[in-house]
C-alpha atoms as a PDB file:
ATOM      1  CA  MET A   1     -27.494  -6.664   4.789  1.00  0.00           C
ATOM      2  CA  ASN A   2     -28.939  -5.068   1.670  1.00  0.00           C
ATOM      3  CA  LYS A   3     -26.643  -5.564  -1.347  1.00  0.00           C
ATOM      4  CA  SER A   4     -28.493  -3.016  -3.454  1.00  0.00           C
ATOM      5  CA  THR A   5     -28.072  -0.351  -0.774  1.00  0.00           C
ATOM      6  CA  ILE A   6     -24.381  -1.163  -0.331  1.00  0.00           C
ATOM      7  CA  LEU A   7     -23.731  -0.905  -4.086  1.00  0.00           C
ATOM      8  CA  THR A   8     -25.646   2.375  -4.283  1.00  0.00           C
ATOM      9  CA  ILE A   9     -23.518   3.882  -1.499  1.00  0.00           C
ATOM     10  CA  THR A  10     -20.384   2.505  -3.179  1.00  0.00           C
ATOM     11  CA  ARG A  11     -21.255   4.098  -6.526  1.00  0.00           C
ATOM     12  CA  LYS A  12     -22.062   7.408  -4.842  1.00  0.00           C
ATOM     13  CA  ASP A  13     -18.738   7.490  -2.980  1.00  0.00           C
ATOM     14  CA  LEU A  14     -16.744   6.425  -6.043  1.00  0.00           C
ATOM     15  CA  LYS A  15     -18.331   9.266  -8.001  1.00  0.00           C
ATOM     16  CA  ALA A  16     -17.431  11.700  -5.205  1.00  0.00           C
ATOM     17  CA  THR A  17     -13.852  10.407  -5.118  1.00  0.00           C
ATOM     18  CA  PHE A  18     -13.195  10.664  -8.844  1.00  0.00           C
ATOM     19  CA  SER A  19     -14.987  13.997  -9.180  1.00  0.00           C
ATOM     20  CA  SER A  20     -12.456  15.580  -6.813  1.00  0.00           C
ATOM     21  CA  LYS A  21      -9.018  16.073  -8.352  1.00  0.00           C
ATOM     22  CA  LYS A  22      -7.471  16.789  -4.952  1.00  0.00           C
ATOM     23  CA  ILE A  23      -8.221  13.165  -4.034  1.00  0.00           C
ATOM     24  CA  TRP A  24      -7.537  10.980  -7.070  1.00  0.00           C
ATOM     25  CA  VAL A  25      -4.731  12.959  -8.755  1.00  0.00           C
ATOM     26  CA  PRO A  26      -2.302  12.684  -5.792  1.00  0.00           C
ATOM     27  CA  MET A  27      -3.150   8.983  -5.483  1.00  0.00           C
ATOM     28  CA  ILE A  28      -2.111   8.305  -9.066  1.00  0.00           C
ATOM     29  CA  ILE A  29       0.928  10.600  -8.930  1.00  0.00           C
ATOM     30  CA  VAL A  30       2.325   8.888  -5.813  1.00  0.00           C
ATOM     31  CA  ALA A  31       1.808   5.425  -7.323  1.00  0.00           C
ATOM     32  CA  VAL A  32       3.395   6.365 -10.657  1.00  0.00           C
ATOM     33  CA  LEU A  33       6.408   8.056  -9.078  1.00  0.00           C
ATOM     34  CA  LEU A  34       7.202   5.428  -6.439  1.00  0.00           C
ATOM     35  CA  CYS A  35       6.178   2.222  -8.196  1.00  0.00           C
ATOM     36  CA  ILE A  36       6.855   2.909 -11.885  1.00  0.00           C
ATOM     37  CA  ILE A  37       9.120   5.866 -12.676  1.00  0.00           C
ATOM     38  CA  PHE A  38      11.598   5.484  -9.812  1.00  0.00           C
ATOM     39  CA  PRO A  39      12.349   1.738 -10.269  1.00  0.00           C
ATOM     40  CA  SER A  40      12.422   2.089 -14.068  1.00  0.00           C
ATOM     41  CA  VAL A  41      14.920   4.974 -13.975  1.00  0.00           C
ATOM     42  CA  LEU A  42      17.030   3.179 -11.372  1.00  0.00           C
ATOM     43  CA  ALA A  43      17.077  -0.023 -13.411  1.00  0.00           C
ATOM     44  CA  TYR A  44      17.925   1.714 -16.684  1.00  0.00           C
ATOM     45  CA  PHE A  45      20.743   3.923 -15.439  1.00  0.00           C
ATOM     46  CA  GLY A  46      22.045   1.370 -12.943  1.00  0.00           C
ATOM     47  CA  LEU A  47      22.433  -1.362 -15.556  1.00  0.00           C
ATOM     48  CA  ASN A  48      23.568   0.750 -18.492  1.00  0.00           C
ATOM     49  CA  PHE A  49      25.999   3.095 -16.741  1.00  0.00           C
ATOM     50  CA  ASP A  50      28.723   2.385 -14.202  1.00  0.00           C
ATOM     51  CA  MET A  51      27.926   4.772 -11.338  1.00  0.00           C
ATOM     52  CA  THR A  52      30.421   3.453  -8.791  1.00  0.00           C
ATOM     53  CA  GLY A  53      33.449   5.432  -9.984  1.00  0.00           C
ATOM     54  CA  LYS A  54      36.909   5.063  -8.476  1.00  0.00           C
ATOM     55  CA  SER A  55      35.590   4.191  -5.027  1.00  0.00           C
ATOM     56  CA  ALA A  56      34.049   0.930  -6.246  1.00  0.00           C
ATOM     57  CA  GLU A  57      36.546  -1.247  -4.381  1.00  0.00           C
ATOM     58  CA  ASP A  58      35.932   0.550  -1.061  1.00  0.00           C
ATOM     59  CA  ILE A  59      32.179   0.166  -1.470  1.00  0.00           C
ATOM     60  CA  GLU A  60      32.327  -3.430  -2.693  1.00  0.00           C
ATOM     61  CA  ARG A  61      33.995  -4.824   0.443  1.00  0.00           C
ATOM     62  CA  PRO A  62      31.086  -4.137   2.837  1.00  0.00           C
ATOM     63  CA  ILE A  63      28.581  -5.068   0.122  1.00  0.00           C
ATOM     64  CA  ASN A  64      30.218  -8.462  -0.391  1.00  0.00           C
ATOM     65  CA  ALA A  65      30.341  -8.991   3.362  1.00  0.00           C
ATOM     66  CA  PHE A  66      26.633  -8.159   3.494  1.00  0.00           C
ATOM     67  CA  ILE A  67      25.911 -10.678   0.713  1.00  0.00           C
ATOM     68  CA  LYS A  68      27.807 -13.450   2.508  1.00  0.00           C
ATOM     69  CA  GLU A  69      25.573 -13.006   5.561  1.00  0.00           C
ATOM     70  CA  PHE A  70      22.353 -12.874   3.542  1.00  0.00           C
ATOM     71  CA  PRO A  71      19.824 -15.312   5.086  1.00  0.00           C
ATOM     72  CA  ASN A  72      18.329 -16.585   1.818  1.00  0.00           C
ATOM     73  CA  ASP A  73      20.641 -19.053   0.030  1.00  0.00           C
ATOM     74  CA  GLU A  74      19.133 -18.590  -3.420  1.00  0.00           C
ATOM     75  CA  MET A  75      19.290 -14.794  -3.238  1.00  0.00           C
ATOM     76  CA  ARG A  76      22.797 -14.893  -1.778  1.00  0.00           C
ATOM     77  CA  ASN A  77      24.046 -17.055  -4.667  1.00  0.00           C
ATOM     78  CA  THR A  78      22.279 -14.886  -7.247  1.00  0.00           C
ATOM     79  CA  LEU A  79      23.770 -11.673  -5.880  1.00  0.00           C
ATOM     80  CA  ALA A  80      27.242 -13.214  -5.637  1.00  0.00           C
ATOM     81  CA  SER A  81      27.077 -14.339  -9.270  1.00  0.00           C
ATOM     82  CA  LEU A  82      26.312 -10.882 -10.671  1.00  0.00           C
ATOM     83  CA  PRO A  83      29.373  -9.338 -12.360  1.00  0.00           C
ATOM     84  CA  THR A  84      29.409  -5.772 -11.012  1.00  0.00           C
ATOM     85  CA  LEU A  85      28.536  -3.875  -7.851  1.00  0.00           C
ATOM     86  CA  THR A  86      25.928  -1.855  -9.725  1.00  0.00           C
ATOM     87  CA  TYR A  87      24.184  -4.993 -10.958  1.00  0.00           C
ATOM     88  CA  LYS A  88      24.071  -6.324  -7.389  1.00  0.00           C
ATOM     89  CA  PHE A  89      22.659  -3.077  -6.042  1.00  0.00           C
ATOM     90  CA  VAL A  90      19.951  -2.836  -8.732  1.00  0.00           C
ATOM     91  CA  TYR A  91      18.934  -6.482  -8.291  1.00  0.00           C
ATOM     92  CA  PHE A  92      18.771  -6.211  -4.509  1.00  0.00           C
ATOM     93  CA  PHE A  93      16.857  -2.933  -4.596  1.00  0.00           C
ATOM     94  CA  LEU A  94      14.255  -4.123  -7.089  1.00  0.00           C
ATOM     95  CA  THR A  95      13.781  -7.456  -5.337  1.00  0.00           C
ATOM     96  CA  PHE A  96      13.631  -6.305  -1.704  1.00  0.00           C
ATOM     97  CA  MET A  97      13.632  -2.534  -1.289  1.00  0.00           C
ATOM     98  CA  MET A  98      10.681  -2.042  -3.657  1.00  0.00           C
ATOM     99  CA  ILE A  99       8.411  -4.019  -1.323  1.00  0.00           C
ATOM    100  CA  PRO A 100       7.932  -1.143   1.185  1.00  0.00           C
ATOM    101  CA  PHE A 101       7.193   1.218  -1.713  1.00  0.00           C
ATOM    102  CA  PHE A 102       4.158  -0.835  -2.750  1.00  0.00           C
ATOM    103  CA  LEU A 103       3.063  -1.148   0.884  1.00  0.00           C
ATOM    104  CA  LEU A 104       3.363   2.614   1.265  1.00  0.00           C
ATOM    105  CA  VAL A 105       1.317   3.340  -1.866  1.00  0.00           C
ATOM    106  CA  ALA A 106      -1.376   0.875  -0.781  1.00  0.00           C
ATOM    107  CA  ILE A 107      -1.637   2.475   2.669  1.00  0.00           C
ATOM    108  CA  ILE A 108      -1.614   6.074   1.415  1.00  0.00           C
ATOM    109  CA  ASN A 109      -4.248   5.490  -1.266  1.00  0.00           C
ATOM    110  CA  SER A 110      -6.570   3.495   0.978  1.00  0.00           C
ATOM    111  CA  MET A 111      -6.146   6.083   3.729  1.00  0.00           C
ATOM    112  CA  VAL A 112      -7.044   8.968   1.404  1.00  0.00           C
ATOM    113  CA  THR A 113     -10.223   7.359   0.049  1.00  0.00           C
ATOM    114  CA  ALA A 114     -11.358   6.100   3.460  1.00  0.00           C
ATOM    115  CA  ALA A 115     -10.676   9.429   5.177  1.00  0.00           C
ATOM    116  CA  ASN A 116     -13.017  11.029   2.665  1.00  0.00           C
ATOM    117  CA  SER A 117     -15.920   8.774   3.697  1.00  0.00           C
ATOM    118  CA  PHE A 118     -17.766  10.250   6.685  1.00  0.00           C
ATOM    119  CA  ALA A 119     -15.525  13.303   7.030  1.00  0.00           C
ATOM    120  CA  GLY A 120     -16.117  14.131   3.363  1.00  0.00           C
ATOM    121  CA  GLU A 121     -19.880  13.812   3.853  1.00  0.00           C
ATOM    122  CA  LYS A 122     -19.593  16.229   6.765  1.00  0.00           C
ATOM    123  CA  GLU A 123     -17.721  18.814   4.675  1.00  0.00           C
ATOM    124  CA  ARG A 124     -20.217  18.473   1.814  1.00  0.00           C
ATOM    125  CA  ASN A 125     -23.121  18.897   4.275  1.00  0.00           C
ATOM    126  CA  THR A 126     -24.678  15.589   3.169  1.00  0.00           C
ATOM    127  CA  LEU A 127     -24.057  13.485   6.288  1.00  0.00           C
ATOM    128  CA  GLU A 128     -27.299  14.340   8.093  1.00  0.00           C
ATOM    129  CA  THR A 129     -29.393  13.302   5.089  1.00  0.00           C
ATOM    130  CA  LEU A 130     -27.417  10.073   4.731  1.00  0.00           C
ATOM    131  CA  LEU A 131     -27.700   9.154   8.435  1.00  0.00           C
ATOM    132  CA  PHE A 132     -31.471   9.544   8.493  1.00  0.00           C
ATOM    133  CA  ALA A 133     -32.076   7.746   5.200  1.00  0.00           C
ATOM    134  CA  PRO A 134     -33.847   4.340   5.493  1.00  0.00           C
ATOM    135  CA  ILE A 135     -30.587   2.329   5.459  1.00  0.00           C
ATOM    136  CA  SER A 136     -28.764   0.440   8.199  1.00  0.00           C
ATOM    137  CA  ILE A 137     -25.511   1.751   9.653  1.00  0.00           C
ATOM    138  CA  VAL A 138     -23.836  -1.577   8.812  1.00  0.00           C
ATOM    139  CA  ASP A 139     -24.807  -1.213   5.134  1.00  0.00           C
ATOM    140  CA  LEU A 140     -23.546   2.364   5.234  1.00  0.00           C
ATOM    141  CA  PHE A 141     -20.152   1.271   6.569  1.00  0.00           C
ATOM    142  CA  LEU A 142     -19.843  -1.652   4.146  1.00  0.00           C
ATOM    143  CA  GLY A 143     -20.686   0.592   1.187  1.00  0.00           C
ATOM    144  CA  LYS A 144     -18.050   3.110   2.213  1.00  0.00           C
ATOM    145  CA  VAL A 145     -15.425   0.410   2.837  1.00  0.00           C
ATOM    146  CA  LEU A 146     -16.061  -1.077  -0.609  1.00  0.00           C
ATOM    147  CA  ALA A 147     -15.903   2.379  -2.231  1.00  0.00           C
ATOM    148  CA  SER A 148     -12.458   2.902  -0.677  1.00  0.00           C
ATOM    149  CA  LEU A 149     -11.229  -0.621  -1.444  1.00  0.00           C
ATOM    150  CA  ILE A 150     -11.853  -0.508  -5.206  1.00  0.00           C
ATOM    151  CA  PRO A 151      -9.679   2.516  -6.161  1.00  0.00           C
ATOM    152  CA  ALA A 152      -6.945   1.699  -3.619  1.00  0.00           C
ATOM    153  CA  LEU A 153      -6.464  -1.864  -4.868  1.00  0.00           C
ATOM    154  CA  GLY A 154      -7.069  -0.871  -8.491  1.00  0.00           C
ATOM    155  CA  ILE A 155      -4.285   1.726  -8.504  1.00  0.00           C
ATOM    156  CA  THR A 156      -1.902  -0.582  -6.606  1.00  0.00           C
ATOM    157  CA  TYR A 157      -2.428  -3.510  -8.976  1.00  0.00           C
ATOM    158  CA  ALA A 158      -2.243  -1.309 -12.067  1.00  0.00           C
ATOM    159  CA  SER A 159       1.086   0.072 -10.795  1.00  0.00           C
ATOM    160  CA  TYR A 160       2.338  -3.472 -10.174  1.00  0.00           C
ATOM    161  CA  VAL A 161       1.465  -4.689 -13.686  1.00  0.00           C
ATOM    162  CA  ILE A 162       2.962  -1.619 -15.401  1.00  0.00           C
ATOM    163  CA  ASN A 163       6.088  -1.842 -13.236  1.00  0.00           C
ATOM    164  CA  LEU A 164       6.347  -5.563 -13.991  1.00  0.00           C
ATOM    165  CA  ILE A 165       6.302  -4.940 -17.745  1.00  0.00           C
ATOM    166  CA  ILE A 166       8.551  -1.865 -17.933  1.00  0.00           C
ATOM    167  CA  VAL A 167      11.219  -2.935 -15.441  1.00  0.00           C
ATOM    168  CA  ASN A 168      11.490  -6.452 -16.866  1.00  0.00           C
ATOM    169  CA  LEU A 169      11.896  -5.047 -20.376  1.00  0.00           C
ATOM    170  CA  ILE A 170      14.915  -3.174 -19.008  1.00  0.00           C
ATOM    171  CA  THR A 171      16.387  -5.851 -16.730  1.00  0.00           C
ATOM    172  CA  TYR A 172      15.716  -9.167 -18.496  1.00  0.00           C
ATOM    173  CA  PRO A 173      18.705  -8.891 -20.907  1.00  0.00           C
ATOM    174  CA  PHE A 174      20.977  -8.435 -17.866  1.00  0.00           C
ATOM    175  CA  PHE A 175      19.487 -10.863 -15.317  1.00  0.00           C
ATOM    176  CA  ASP A 176      17.999 -13.425 -17.720  1.00  0.00           C
ATOM    177  CA  HIS A 177      14.859 -13.954 -15.644  1.00  0.00           C
ATOM    178  CA  MET A 178      11.684 -12.096 -14.679  1.00  0.00           C
ATOM    179  CA  LEU A 179      11.543  -9.973 -11.560  1.00  0.00           C
ATOM    180  CA  PHE A 180       8.474  -9.445  -9.325  1.00  0.00           C
ATOM    181  CA  LEU A 181       7.037 -12.904 -10.083  1.00  0.00           C
ATOM    182  CA  ASN A 182       8.559 -14.981  -7.288  1.00  0.00           C
ATOM    183  CA  SER A 183       6.727 -16.296  -4.221  1.00  0.00           C
ATOM    184  CA  THR A 184       7.682 -13.239  -2.133  1.00  0.00           C
ATOM    185  CA  TRP A 185       6.104 -10.772  -4.543  1.00  0.00           C
ATOM    186  CA  LEU A 186       3.033 -12.893  -5.267  1.00  0.00           C
ATOM    187  CA  LEU A 187       2.319 -13.246  -1.541  1.00  0.00           C
ATOM    188  CA  LEU A 188       2.881  -9.525  -1.092  1.00  0.00           C
ATOM    189  CA  MET A 189       0.509  -8.464  -3.860  1.00  0.00           C
ATOM    190  CA  PHE A 190      -2.263 -11.023  -3.454  1.00  0.00           C
ATOM    191  CA  TRP A 191      -2.223 -11.800   0.268  1.00  0.00           C
ATOM    192  CA  VAL A 192      -0.602  -9.026   2.317  1.00  0.00           C
ATOM    193  CA  ILE A 193      -1.692  -5.949   0.363  1.00  0.00           C
ATOM    194  CA  PRO A 194      -5.419  -6.856   0.150  1.00  0.00           C
ATOM    195  CA  THR A 195      -5.565  -7.550   3.909  1.00  0.00           C
ATOM    196  CA  LEU A 196      -3.472  -4.446   4.656  1.00  0.00           C
ATOM    197  CA  VAL A 197      -5.664  -2.212   2.486  1.00  0.00           C
ATOM    198  CA  LEU A 198      -8.827  -3.613   4.075  1.00  0.00           C
ATOM    199  CA  PHE A 199      -7.426  -3.069   7.587  1.00  0.00           C
ATOM    200  CA  THR A 200      -6.364   0.500   6.741  1.00  0.00           C
ATOM    201  CA  ILE A 201      -9.736   1.296   5.221  1.00  0.00           C
ATOM    202  CA  ILE A 202     -11.821  -0.102   8.071  1.00  0.00           C
ATOM    203  CA  LEU A 203      -9.715   1.719  10.649  1.00  0.00           C
ATOM    204  CA  SER A 204      -9.706   4.936   8.621  1.00  0.00           C
ATOM    205  CA  VAL A 205     -13.473   4.810   8.074  1.00  0.00           C
ATOM    206  CA  LEU A 206     -13.979   4.434  11.823  1.00  0.00           C
ATOM    207  CA  ILE A 207     -11.633   7.373  12.431  1.00  0.00           C
ATOM    208  CA  SER A 208     -13.373   9.383   9.716  1.00  0.00           C
ATOM    209  CA  ALA A 209     -16.688   8.749  11.466  1.00  0.00           C
ATOM    210  CA  LYS A 210     -15.344  10.326  14.653  1.00  0.00           C
ATOM    211  CA  VAL A 211     -13.552  13.422  13.345  1.00  0.00           C
ATOM    212  CA  LYS A 212     -14.898  16.575  11.742  1.00  0.00           C
ATOM    213  CA  SER A 213     -12.793  17.085   8.606  1.00  0.00           C
ATOM    214  CA  PHE A 214     -11.004  15.235   5.803  1.00  0.00           C
ATOM    215  CA  GLN A 215      -7.612  16.655   6.845  1.00  0.00           C
ATOM    216  CA  GLU A 216      -8.095  15.580  10.459  1.00  0.00           C
ATOM    217  CA  ALA A 217      -8.968  12.048   9.364  1.00  0.00           C
ATOM    218  CA  GLN A 218      -5.794  11.884   7.249  1.00  0.00           C
ATOM    219  CA  GLN A 219      -3.652  13.023  10.177  1.00  0.00           C
ATOM    220  CA  PHE A 220      -4.936  10.219  12.385  1.00  0.00           C
ATOM    221  CA  GLY A 221      -4.443   7.683   9.596  1.00  0.00           C
ATOM    222  CA  GLY A 222      -0.857   8.823   9.027  1.00  0.00           C
ATOM    223  CA  ILE A 223       0.223   6.738  12.022  1.00  0.00           C
ATOM    224  CA  LEU A 224      -0.286   3.644   9.849  1.00  0.00           C
ATOM    225  CA  VAL A 225       2.701   4.674   7.688  1.00  0.00           C
ATOM    226  CA  LEU A 226       5.162   4.269  10.584  1.00  0.00           C
ATOM    227  CA  PRO A 227       5.411   0.437  10.395  1.00  0.00           C
ATOM    228  CA  VAL A 228       6.325   0.694   6.708  1.00  0.00           C
ATOM    229  CA  ILE A 229       9.159   3.093   7.565  1.00  0.00           C
ATOM    230  CA  GLY A 230      10.349   0.458  10.033  1.00  0.00           C
ATOM    231  CA  ILE A 231      10.317  -2.141   7.243  1.00  0.00           C
ATOM    232  CA  VAL A 232      12.386   0.157   5.001  1.00  0.00           C
ATOM    233  CA  ILE A 233      15.012   0.565   7.736  1.00  0.00           C
ATOM    234  CA  SER A 234      15.102  -3.143   8.543  1.00  0.00           C
ATOM    235  CA  GLN A 235      15.403  -4.168   4.894  1.00  0.00           C
ATOM    236  CA  ALA A 236      18.213  -1.687   4.240  1.00  0.00           C
ATOM    237  CA  SER A 237      20.124  -2.546   7.423  1.00  0.00           C
ATOM    238  CA  GLY A 238      19.688  -6.308   7.122  1.00  0.00           C
ATOM    239  CA  LEU A 239      17.888  -6.701  10.469  1.00  0.00           C
ATOM    240  CA  PHE A 240      15.313  -8.955   8.795  1.00  0.00           C
ATOM    241  CA  PHE A 241      13.910  -9.613   5.325  1.00  0.00           C
ATOM    242  CA  LEU A 242      10.357 -10.149   4.186  1.00  0.00           C
ATOM    243  CA  SER A 243      10.551 -13.828   3.308  1.00  0.00           C
ATOM    244  CA  PRO A 244       7.488 -15.701   1.971  1.00  0.00           C
ATOM    245  CA  LEU A 245       6.852 -17.163   5.449  1.00  0.00           C
ATOM    246  CA  THR A 246       7.071 -13.717   7.061  1.00  0.00           C
ATOM    247  CA  LEU A 247       4.669 -12.254   4.503  1.00  0.00           C
ATOM    248  CA  PHE A 248       2.233 -15.128   4.991  1.00  0.00           C
ATOM    249  CA  LEU A 249       2.253 -14.584   8.762  1.00  0.00           C
ATOM    250  CA  ILE A 250       1.813 -10.805   8.323  1.00  0.00           C
ATOM    251  CA  GLY A 251      -1.179 -11.366   6.033  1.00  0.00           C
ATOM    252  CA  THR A 252      -2.705 -13.842   8.484  1.00  0.00           C
ATOM    253  CA  GLY A 253      -2.229 -11.389  11.356  1.00  0.00           C
ATOM    254  CA  LEU A 254      -3.894  -8.636   9.335  1.00  0.00           C
ATOM    255  CA  LEU A 255      -6.802 -10.946   8.528  1.00  0.00           C
ATOM    256  CA  VAL A 256      -7.372 -11.551  12.249  1.00  0.00           C
ATOM    257  CA  ALA A 257      -7.012  -7.812  12.924  1.00  0.00           C
ATOM    258  CA  ASN A 258      -9.653  -7.082  10.265  1.00  0.00           C
ATOM    259  CA  ALA A 259     -12.105  -9.378  12.032  1.00  0.00           C
ATOM    260  CA  LEU A 260     -11.464  -7.646  15.359  1.00  0.00           C
ATOM    261  CA  VAL A 261     -11.741  -4.125  13.942  1.00  0.00           C
ATOM    262  CA  LEU A 262     -14.967  -5.007  12.133  1.00  0.00           C
ATOM    263  CA  LYS A 263     -16.533  -5.692  15.522  1.00  0.00           C
ATOM    264  CA  LEU A 264     -16.052  -2.020  16.318  1.00  0.00           C
ATOM    265  CA  VAL A 265     -18.515  -1.195  13.551  1.00  0.00           C
ATOM    266  CA  THR A 266     -21.305  -2.538  15.787  1.00  0.00           C
ATOM    267  CA  LYS A 267     -20.694   0.408  18.124  1.00  0.00           C
ATOM    268  CA  PHE A 268     -22.110   2.659  15.407  1.00  0.00           C
ATOM    269  CA  ASN A 269     -25.382   0.763  15.090  1.00  0.00           C
ATOM    270  CA  GLN A 270     -27.045   3.644  16.892  1.00  0.00           C
ATOM    271  CA  ARG A 271     -27.656   6.507  14.470  1.00  0.00           C
ATOM    272  CA  ASN A 272     -27.699   9.052  17.270  1.00  0.00           C
ATOM    273  CA  THR A 273     -24.202   7.972  18.409  1.00  0.00           C
ATOM    274  CA  LEU A 274     -22.776   8.483  14.939  1.00  0.00           C
ATOM    275  CA  PHE A 275     -24.673  11.739  14.444  1.00  0.00           C
ATOM    276  CA  GLU A 276     -23.500  13.158  17.774  1.00  0.00           C
ATOM    277  CA  SER A 277     -19.891  12.288  16.954  1.00  0.00           C
ATOM    278  CA  GLN A 278     -20.140  14.634  13.986  1.00  0.00           C
ATOM    279  CA  ILE A 279     -21.736  17.632  15.675  1.00  0.00           C
ATOM    280  CA  HIS A 280     -19.792  17.736  18.961  1.00  0.00           C
END
């Protein structure tokens, strides 16, 4: 493994990513809309205006029944102590329903950058030169994985910090404590998301090495969004909640999956195999 070669490939791919507005602009827009603007607007209007109207009593009955069956004692007591239905909804949404949003942004951004790796080289007519340069295929893959990892994690963490500041400025006077800093969120951001992003990138880079175009690579990678949709449905319906233990187990499973998927990289140790996958 040649660190200098890996860093050179990383810098080259980062330059290609940020020189193309069709790649980095949508990444930032999606993160800002889902992880910053949407929760901030929801928190502000939900806590400063009563949006339940005359039907509040009809809505509150099933909500209170839902709270009584909530599996986490601390969260159940916190929700029950909040004075209005709107407060309960805002607190629950920001604490639990925002988790899939960050997972979705992490997957989408890592998928976009990784899909641009080999497929992007093919479209720019630079792949042949890169494949027959005096570098190993393993170094080539590692450089491209690192080049996808940096912007994906950077945008996700920047969104988290900005969301943390803005939303807590809005909600702290009402809830009297900081959101997004409990064990669930810390495990999500610093254990699950890094392993999830790495898994998405490795898989997407492998897919990108097999397909012919950037759009085709994105279509294959779109399958990875489906589990997050399942999490959204389960969180909203109460089927299960992403507790700290669940998140720890998910992160551990992803870590094992990363090790297994990395073994697939060895199949591309033959330059001719990788080259033929791009021309046939």
